[in-house]
């Protein structure tokens, strides 16, 4: 797809899902476009490093230049996105969003008269309590960060004086699982704390959630790398700066690969597995029900609709369909009132539904809930940090 086609798709996504999701996919289009030249440069430089590793080691001459280029690339990419974002805000009518925003439905405050324009507004019942809750939430974040410090330190204490490659990779894998679990736990806690704080506007609610989550996720994801590079003073293991850099690289590669595996497992494999298990259980239940009750396949064969039935007690149908759909074909008999007990009653002989349409509907119904935009953005931030 061309860049123009992707931008047109973002417009359609914004029209259907709203501005928040539209901005997210617009950023993905922008980020993918800017990532192409840096990916080419990174691949070339990686080949150069592998070719000269026997002579220079991991610290290949010229690495500083590549790092400087990466820093400038990140700056230009973000600044260019700001321009694109402002353009989209203008096109999508979001320029005065802050001035026209109304209090959140769950906000519980008090009604006052504005001293600026005399309008009746809803504000915080007690500002001291509001800011006290925010301070408590930030203290909880600090406590969770301290837990991360203790867990990471414990992992490297287990390593002790061993510099075995297998043990190093094993520590990295254990650290990856710890990062994943702690991120999930704190994400749940951050949402609970954010609701408890009682923010007035949606923008305030979202900004506070971003601060809590991004600070913790970044610290949790990168602290082990910082620990190996600057804190771990085990001179028996890190005999030189070259060995320390090699340990950082091994840890980084392990974290990056494990992050991709864990994230894709949670978003693709486990939902797929859950869907298959659910379909299997539903099929078994349906077979048992039909076997025990001798269930009819069509309404016409149901004893409830027989001619000798005085009162129709109900109708058994296999699914709910829209008769106006062009993809559904109905075959209906007995519409002229030939039924003595129920004149004019339609008796349905068969319902033939387009198999592909129903498969698509069932697939969408059974799909798991899409991750929040902030969840996806946090993943991009972490993986971008690992790459850079």
Protein backbone atom coordinates (compact mmCIF):
# COMPACT_ATOMS: atom_id res chain seq x y z
CA UNK A 1 0.00 0.00 0.00
CA UNK A 2 1.21 3.49 -0.81
CA UNK A 3 1.49 6.24 1.79
CA UNK A 4 -1.56 7.98 0.33
CA UNK A 5 -3.63 4.79 0.55
CA UNK A 6 -2.61 4.30 4.18
CA UNK A 7 -3.62 7.87 5.02
CA UNK A 8 -6.99 7.34 3.33
CA UNK A 9 -7.41 4.20 5.44
CA UNK A 10 -6.67 6.26 8.57
CA UNK A 11 -9.44 8.64 7.57
CA UNK A 12 -11.88 5.72 7.35
CA UNK A 13 -10.68 4.39 10.71
CA UNK A 14 -11.19 7.81 12.28
CA UNK A 15 -14.72 8.05 10.86
CA UNK A 16 -15.66 4.66 12.32
CA UNK A 17 -13.67 4.36 15.57
CA UNK A 18 -13.07 8.00 16.53
CA UNK A 19 -10.18 10.43 16.67
CA UNK A 20 -8.16 8.59 19.32
CA UNK A 21 -7.79 5.42 17.23
CA UNK A 22 -7.39 7.52 14.09
CA UNK A 23 -4.41 9.37 15.58
CA UNK A 24 -2.84 6.07 16.63
CA UNK A 25 -3.00 4.53 13.14
CA UNK A 26 -1.86 7.82 11.58
CA UNK A 27 1.21 7.68 13.81
CA UNK A 28 1.84 4.06 12.75
CA UNK A 29 1.78 5.12 9.09
CA UNK A 30 4.15 8.01 9.85
CA UNK A 31 6.44 5.84 11.98
CA UNK A 32 6.62 3.04 9.38
CA UNK A 33 7.50 5.53 6.64
CA UNK A 34 10.31 7.08 8.68
CA UNK A 35 11.56 3.71 9.92
CA UNK A 36 12.49 2.49 6.43
CA UNK A 37 15.77 4.45 5.96
CA UNK A 38 16.87 3.75 9.53
CA UNK A 39 16.15 0.03 9.10
CA UNK A 40 18.35 -0.06 5.98
CA UNK A 41 21.17 1.77 7.78
CA UNK A 42 20.86 -0.49 10.82
CA UNK A 43 20.97 -3.67 8.70
CA UNK A 44 24.09 -2.48 6.84
CA UNK A 45 25.83 -1.51 10.07
CA UNK A 46 24.95 -4.84 11.69
CA UNK A 47 26.59 -6.68 8.79
CA UNK A 48 29.69 -4.48 9.17
CA UNK A 49 29.84 -5.28 12.89
CA UNK A 50 29.64 -9.02 12.24
CA UNK A 51 32.35 -8.80 9.56
CA UNK A 52 34.78 -6.84 11.76
CA UNK A 53 33.93 -8.35 15.17
CA UNK A 54 36.99 -10.60 15.18
CA UNK A 55 39.24 -7.56 14.75
CA UNK A 56 37.50 -4.75 16.62
CA UNK A 57 35.03 -6.58 18.84
CA UNK A 58 31.63 -5.10 19.56
CA UNK A 59 32.99 -1.52 19.69
CA UNK A 60 33.39 -1.13 15.93
CA UNK A 61 34.96 2.22 14.88
CA UNK A 62 32.23 4.47 13.60
CA UNK A 63 29.59 3.35 16.10
CA UNK A 64 29.47 6.86 17.54
CA UNK A 65 28.49 8.25 14.13
CA UNK A 66 25.64 5.74 13.83
CA UNK A 67 24.43 6.63 17.33
CA UNK A 68 24.45 10.36 16.47
CA UNK A 69 22.51 9.64 13.26
CA UNK A 70 19.96 7.65 15.28
CA UNK A 71 19.53 10.51 17.74
CA UNK A 72 18.97 13.06 14.96
CA UNK A 73 16.61 10.64 13.18
CA UNK A 74 14.49 10.25 16.33
CA UNK A 75 14.31 14.03 16.79
CA UNK A 76 13.36 14.74 13.19
CA UNK A 77 10.80 11.91 13.17
CA UNK A 78 9.04 13.22 16.29
CA UNK A 79 9.12 16.86 15.19
CA UNK A 80 7.70 15.92 11.79
CA UNK A 81 4.94 13.95 13.53
CA UNK A 82 4.01 17.06 15.54
CA UNK A 83 3.42 18.88 12.24
CA UNK A 84 1.33 15.99 10.94
CA UNK A 85 -0.60 15.82 14.21
CA UNK A 86 -1.51 19.53 14.08
CA UNK A 87 -2.67 19.14 10.51
CA UNK A 88 -4.91 16.24 11.49
CA UNK A 89 -6.26 18.18 14.48
CA UNK A 90 -7.27 20.98 12.12
CA UNK A 91 -8.82 18.63 9.54
CA UNK A 92 -10.69 16.61 12.21
CA UNK A 93 -12.01 19.63 14.13
CA UNK A 94 -9.95 19.02 17.28
CA UNK A 95 -8.38 22.49 17.64
CA UNK A 96 -10.83 23.64 20.35
CA UNK A 97 -11.30 20.25 21.97
CA UNK A 98 -9.88 21.38 25.32
CA UNK A 99 -12.14 24.44 25.50
CA UNK A 100 -15.29 22.47 24.66
CA UNK A 101 -14.57 19.36 26.74
CA UNK A 102 -17.22 18.48 29.33
CA UNK A 103 -16.74 16.69 32.69
CA UNK A 104 -16.50 12.90 32.65
CA UNK A 105 -19.74 11.02 33.46
CA UNK A 106 -18.17 9.43 36.56
CA UNK A 107 -16.87 12.75 37.93
CA UNK A 108 -18.35 13.61 41.34
CA UNK A 109 -17.85 17.29 42.17
CA UNK A 110 -19.81 20.40 43.09
CA UNK A 111 -21.65 23.02 41.09
CA UNK A 112 -20.22 26.57 41.14
CA UNK A 113 -20.53 29.78 39.14
CA UNK A 114 -17.45 30.59 37.08
CA UNK A 115 -15.73 33.83 38.12
CA UNK A 116 -14.45 34.32 34.57
CA UNK A 117 -17.63 34.20 32.48
CA UNK A 118 -20.44 33.56 34.96
CA UNK A 119 -21.27 30.10 33.58
CA UNK A 120 -22.37 27.27 35.83
CA UNK A 121 -19.60 24.65 35.94
CA UNK A 122 -18.84 21.49 37.86
CA UNK A 123 -15.52 21.51 39.70
CA UNK A 124 -13.71 19.50 42.37
CA UNK A 125 -15.38 19.31 45.74
CA UNK A 126 -12.03 19.49 47.54
CA UNK A 127 -8.78 20.31 45.74
CA UNK A 128 -6.65 19.13 48.68
CA UNK A 129 -8.22 15.66 48.60
CA UNK A 130 -7.81 15.49 44.82
CA UNK A 131 -4.08 16.26 44.89
CA UNK A 132 -3.58 14.03 47.92
CA UNK A 133 -4.97 11.10 45.92
CA UNK A 134 -2.58 11.88 43.05
CA UNK A 135 0.39 11.96 45.46
CA UNK A 136 -0.70 8.63 46.93
CA UNK A 137 -0.94 7.11 43.44
CA UNK A 138 2.55 8.34 42.58
CA UNK A 139 3.82 6.86 45.85
CA UNK A 140 2.31 3.54 44.81
CA UNK A 141 4.21 3.79 41.53
CA UNK A 142 7.45 4.40 43.45
CA UNK A 143 6.71 1.34 45.61
CA UNK A 144 6.25 -0.81 42.49
CA UNK A 145 9.52 0.53 41.07
CA UNK A 146 11.27 -0.48 44.31
CA UNK A 147 9.85 -3.97 43.89
CA UNK A 148 11.34 -4.07 40.37
CA UNK A 149 14.74 -2.99 41.79
CA UNK A 150 14.63 -5.81 44.32
CA UNK A 151 13.58 -8.46 41.78
CA UNK A 152 16.23 -7.50 39.21
CA UNK A 153 18.93 -7.38 41.88
CA UNK A 154 17.87 -10.84 43.07
CA UNK A 155 18.15 -12.25 39.54
CA UNK A 156 21.73 -11.03 39.15
CA UNK A 157 22.64 -12.19 42.65
CA UNK A 158 21.61 -15.69 41.55
CA UNK A 159 24.01 -15.36 38.65
CA UNK A 160 26.87 -14.67 41.12
CA UNK A 161 30.31 -15.07 39.55
CA UNK A 162 29.28 -17.23 36.61
CA UNK A 163 29.80 -15.88 33.13
CA UNK A 164 28.29 -18.83 31.27
CA UNK A 165 26.36 -17.87 28.11
CA UNK A 166 23.46 -20.21 28.91
CA UNK A 167 23.05 -18.76 32.42
CA UNK A 168 23.20 -15.22 31.02
CA UNK A 169 20.44 -15.97 28.50
CA UNK A 170 18.41 -17.75 31.20
CA UNK A 171 18.65 -14.67 33.45
CA UNK A 172 17.54 -12.53 30.51
CA UNK A 173 14.53 -14.78 29.85
CA UNK A 174 13.54 -14.73 33.53
CA UNK A 175 13.88 -10.94 33.49
CA UNK A 176 11.64 -10.77 30.41
CA UNK A 177 8.91 -12.78 32.12
CA UNK A 178 9.23 -10.57 35.22
CA UNK A 179 8.93 -7.45 33.03
CA UNK A 180 5.82 -8.83 31.33
CA UNK A 181 4.11 -9.84 34.60
CA UNK A 182 4.95 -6.59 36.41
CA UNK A 183 3.71 -4.52 33.47
CA UNK A 184 0.38 -6.38 33.48
CA UNK A 185 -0.03 -6.03 37.26
CA UNK A 186 0.83 -2.33 37.31
CA UNK A 187 -1.37 -1.60 34.29
CA UNK A 188 -4.36 -3.03 36.18
CA UNK A 189 -3.36 -1.07 39.29
CA UNK A 190 -2.85 2.17 37.34
CA UNK A 191 -6.39 2.03 35.91
CA UNK A 192 -7.83 1.42 39.37
CA UNK A 193 -5.85 4.31 40.90
CA UNK A 194 -6.76 6.61 38.02
CA UNK A 195 -10.47 5.99 38.52
CA UNK A 196 -10.10 6.44 42.29
CA UNK A 197 -8.45 9.85 41.82
CA UNK A 198 -11.66 11.18 40.27
CA UNK A 199 -10.43 13.39 37.41
CA UNK A 200 -12.83 15.97 36.05
CA UNK A 201 -11.92 15.91 32.35
CA UNK A 202 -11.07 12.98 30.09
CA UNK A 203 -7.83 14.71 29.10
CA UNK A 204 -6.75 14.91 32.76
CA UNK A 205 -7.68 11.25 33.26
CA UNK A 206 -5.69 10.16 30.22
CA UNK A 207 -2.63 12.33 30.93
CA UNK A 208 -2.32 11.01 34.49
CA UNK A 209 -2.66 7.44 33.22
CA UNK A 210 0.08 8.03 30.63
CA UNK A 211 2.43 9.44 33.29
CA UNK A 212 1.89 6.47 35.60
CA UNK A 213 2.21 3.78 32.97
CA UNK A 214 5.02 5.15 30.80
CA UNK A 215 7.31 5.95 33.74
CA UNK A 216 6.87 2.50 35.26
CA UNK A 217 6.99 0.57 31.97
CA UNK A 218 10.16 2.33 30.80
CA UNK A 219 11.87 1.81 34.15
CA UNK A 220 10.76 -1.80 34.37
CA UNK A 221 11.83 -2.60 30.79
CA UNK A 222 15.25 -0.96 30.77
CA UNK A 223 16.53 -1.16 34.36
CA UNK A 224 18.33 -4.51 33.89
CA UNK A 225 20.33 -3.04 30.98
CA UNK A 226 21.23 -0.01 33.09
CA UNK A 227 22.17 -2.33 35.97
CA UNK A 228 24.58 -4.38 33.85
CA UNK A 229 26.17 -1.33 32.22
CA UNK A 230 26.67 0.96 35.23
CA UNK A 231 25.82 -0.68 38.57
CA UNK A 232 27.01 -4.29 38.59
CA UNK A 233 30.59 -4.10 39.93
CA UNK A 234 31.43 -7.80 39.70
CA UNK A 235 35.00 -7.52 38.41
CA UNK A 236 35.41 -11.30 38.21
CA UNK A 237 32.71 -11.50 35.56
CA UNK A 238 33.19 -8.15 33.80
CA UNK A 239 36.97 -8.25 33.34
CA UNK A 240 36.88 -5.47 30.73
CA UNK A 241 34.56 -2.97 29.11
CA UNK A 242 34.39 -5.29 26.08
CA UNK A 243 32.98 -8.10 28.23
CA UNK A 244 30.48 -5.74 29.85
CA UNK A 245 29.29 -4.51 26.45
CA UNK A 246 28.91 -8.10 25.30
CA UNK A 247 26.77 -8.85 28.38
CA UNK A 248 24.59 -5.81 27.64
CA UNK A 249 24.14 -6.94 24.04
CA UNK A 250 23.18 -10.47 25.09
CA UNK A 251 20.67 -9.12 27.61
CA UNK A 252 19.25 -6.69 25.05
CA UNK A 253 18.77 -9.33 22.35
CA UNK A 254 17.17 -11.70 24.87
CA UNK A 255 14.75 -9.03 26.12
CA UNK A 256 13.83 -7.97 22.58
CA UNK A 257 13.11 -11.50 21.30
CA UNK A 258 11.24 -12.52 24.46
CA UNK A 259 9.13 -9.33 24.34
CA UNK A 260 8.03 -10.15 20.78
CA UNK A 261 7.26 -13.77 21.70
CA UNK A 262 5.28 -12.90 24.84
CA UNK A 263 3.32 -10.07 23.23
CA UNK A 264 2.39 -12.09 20.14
CA UNK A 265 1.49 -15.08 22.30
CA UNK A 266 -0.95 -12.99 24.35
CA UNK A 267 -2.42 -11.17 21.34
CA UNK A 268 -2.50 -13.95 18.73
CA UNK A 269 -1.77 -17.48 19.99
CA UNK A 270 -3.75 -17.58 23.24
CA UNK A 271 -6.86 -15.85 21.78
CA UNK A 272 -6.72 -18.31 18.84
CA UNK A 273 -6.32 -21.25 21.22
CA UNK A 274 -9.17 -19.99 23.41
CA UNK A 275 -11.42 -19.64 20.37
CA UNK A 276 -10.68 -23.21 19.25
CA UNK A 277 -11.35 -24.60 22.72
CA UNK A 278 -14.59 -22.60 22.96
CA UNK A 279 -15.77 -23.80 19.55
CA UNK A 280 -14.97 -27.40 20.45
CA UNK A 281 -16.89 -27.18 23.74
CA UNK A 282 -19.88 -25.51 22.04
CA UNK A 283 -19.96 -28.19 19.36
CA UNK A 284 -19.90 -30.95 21.99
CA UNK A 285 -22.70 -29.27 23.95
CA UNK A 286 -24.82 -28.86 20.83
CA UNK A 287 -24.33 -32.50 19.87
CA UNK A 288 -25.31 -33.64 23.37
CA UNK A 289 -28.38 -31.39 23.42
CA UNK A 290 -29.59 -32.64 20.03
CA UNK A 291 -28.93 -36.23 21.04
CA UNK A 292 -30.85 -35.92 24.31
CA UNK A 293 -33.75 -33.84 22.97
CA UNK A 294 -33.87 -35.10 19.38
CA UNK A 295 -33.78 -31.45 18.27
CA UNK A 296 -35.21 -30.61 14.80
CA UNK A 297 -33.12 -28.87 12.20
CA UNK A 298 -35.83 -26.60 10.89
CA UNK A 299 -38.86 -24.83 12.21
CA UNK A 300 -41.21 -26.79 9.93
CA UNK A 301 -40.26 -30.07 11.59
CA UNK A 302 -40.82 -28.75 15.10
CA UNK A 303 -43.79 -30.26 17.01
CA UNK A 304 -44.53 -26.76 18.27
CA UNK A 305 -45.63 -25.79 14.77
CA UNK A 306 -47.61 -28.98 13.97
CA UNK A 307 -51.16 -28.63 12.64
CA UNK A 308 -52.68 -30.35 15.67
CA UNK A 309 -51.06 -27.92 18.10
CA UNK A 310 -53.70 -25.56 19.52
CA UNK A 311 -51.27 -22.92 20.84
CA UNK A 312 -47.81 -22.13 19.49
CA UNK A 313 -45.59 -22.17 22.56
CA UNK A 314 -42.38 -21.09 20.88
CA UNK A 315 -40.17 -21.34 17.83
CA UNK A 316 -36.81 -23.06 17.58
CA UNK A 317 -34.34 -21.31 15.28
CA UNK A 318 -30.69 -21.99 14.61
CA UNK A 319 -29.62 -18.38 14.40
CA UNK A 320 -30.86 -14.84 14.03
CA UNK A 321 -30.76 -13.51 10.49
CA UNK A 322 -31.95 -10.43 8.69
CA UNK A 323 -34.53 -11.29 6.05
CA UNK A 324 -33.67 -8.11 4.16
CA UNK A 325 -30.07 -9.22 3.63
CA UNK A 326 -29.30 -10.03 0.00
CA UNK A 327 -27.01 -12.83 1.12
CA UNK A 328 -29.90 -14.74 2.79
CA UNK A 329 -32.37 -16.82 0.81
CA UNK A 330 -35.68 -17.73 2.40
CA UNK A 331 -38.06 -20.42 1.22
CA UNK A 332 -41.50 -19.92 2.80
CA UNK A 333 -44.66 -22.00 2.28
CA UNK A 334 -48.20 -22.00 3.70
CA UNK A 335 -48.63 -18.23 3.61
CA UNK A 336 -52.22 -18.26 2.38
CA UNK A 337 -53.86 -19.25 5.61
CA UNK A 338 -54.20 -22.96 4.99
CA UNK A 339 -53.40 -23.70 8.64
CA UNK A 340 -56.78 -24.33 10.32
CA UNK A 341 -55.66 -23.42 13.81
CA UNK A 342 -53.56 -20.37 12.88
CA UNK A 343 -54.82 -18.75 9.63
CA UNK A 344 -52.25 -16.71 7.76
CA UNK A 345 -49.35 -18.07 9.80
CA UNK A 346 -46.12 -18.51 7.84
CA UNK A 347 -44.37 -21.82 8.24
CA UNK A 348 -40.63 -21.63 7.47
CA UNK A 349 -39.31 -24.60 5.50
CA UNK A 350 -35.60 -23.65 5.22
CA UNK A 351 -33.16 -20.84 5.78
CA UNK A 352 -30.08 -20.76 3.53
CA UNK A 353 -27.45 -18.23 4.62
CA UNK A 354 -24.30 -17.34 2.73
CA UNK A 355 -21.62 -19.42 4.48
CA UNK A 356 -18.88 -16.84 4.02
CA UNK A 357 -20.98 -14.02 5.48
CA UNK A 358 -21.85 -16.07 8.55
CA UNK A 359 -18.24 -17.17 9.01
CA UNK A 360 -17.14 -13.54 8.97
CA UNK A 361 -19.83 -12.55 11.49
CA UNK A 362 -18.97 -15.44 13.80
CA UNK A 363 -15.26 -14.64 13.56
CA UNK A 364 -15.80 -11.02 14.57
CA UNK A 365 -18.13 -11.99 17.42
CA UNK A 366 -15.62 -14.49 18.80
CA UNK A 367 -12.62 -12.18 18.49
CA UNK A 368 -11.09 -10.95 21.75
CA UNK A 369 -11.22 -7.29 22.72
CA UNK A 370 -8.68 -5.12 20.94
CA UNK A 371 -5.85 -3.80 23.17
CA UNK A 372 -6.12 -0.20 24.29
CA UNK A 373 -4.36 2.43 22.19
CA UNK A 374 -2.10 3.23 25.15
CA UNK A 375 -1.16 -0.46 25.46
CA UNK A 376 -0.04 -0.56 21.83
CA UNK A 377 1.80 2.75 22.17
CA UNK A 378 3.67 1.50 25.24
CA UNK A 379 4.79 -1.59 23.28
CA UNK A 380 6.10 0.66 20.49
CA UNK A 381 8.01 2.80 23.00
CA UNK A 382 9.69 -0.24 24.60
CA UNK A 383 10.58 -1.98 21.31
CA UNK A 384 11.84 1.31 19.84
CA UNK A 385 14.07 1.72 22.90
CA UNK A 386 15.44 -1.81 22.51
CA UNK A 387 16.20 -1.21 18.83
CA UNK A 388 17.88 2.15 19.36
